[in-house]
């Protein structure tokens, strides 16, 4: 048990809370750019084995970090009384737009190249990338003094961004309207699960005053997302939910359009080079 206490204390190690565009933030931005460049250089060598390796590395490491996060936010060790106390932090339940890539990447490890896998990977390419970009640009609300939590936050989002870009540059996800449409369908399924969890957990009475707001669409708690929190406070819930869905769909369409534009530029340059 002493070993467990020591491990728990180690995992609860602290640091000065990082600042946006401070050294810690810039370190992860640098690692993200380097990772994308390396994968871009290897795009012509892309194969099924490499895809599985990348999905495994992202999914498995993210899952381990998520489990450790849940442990240190649930278990508290009092060194004076040498006792453990347990109090689950319901607000940190791992089912947000930004944590679904963990499950999707691990599920895809066991799927053949079929319509279901293509739809799930399209969801990573066009939709979850929105949360990754938002957090990388504005990480303030995610940074804490806990070392593990900060590492978890940046690996989860930076890694997800790298994975999304990789799927596009390796052409594992073709940039077409069918894949965009399927990514939206997957998003709506996850959204439905999140809404079900929000209602079920709240109605169960186990929250004890804590917040439980998966995908930030709970009808019982105001969203903490910038702009969306203001909208939710000023319109009926159903209108807020529709606005939220439309915003994500538009965001996915913007990502698709950017990717399509970049693809067109590269194809144009390639054709001109070939003509010469």
Foldseek 3Di string as FASTA:
>chain_A
DVVVVVVLVVQQAFAPWDDQVDPLLVVLVVVLVVLLVVLLVCLVVDDPVVLLVLLCVLLVVLVVLLVSVQVSQFWDADPVVRDIDGDGQQQSPQQALLNVSNVLSVVLSPDDPDPVNLLSLLLLQQFSLVVLVVCSNPVNVQTDGRPSSSVSVSSSSSSSNSSNSSCLSSVVHPLDPVSLVSSLVVVVVSVVVQAVCLVVVVVVPPQVPHDHAHNQLRQVDARPDPPLSVVPVPDHSVVSVVVSSVVSSVSSVVSSVVSVVVVVVVVVVVVVVVVD
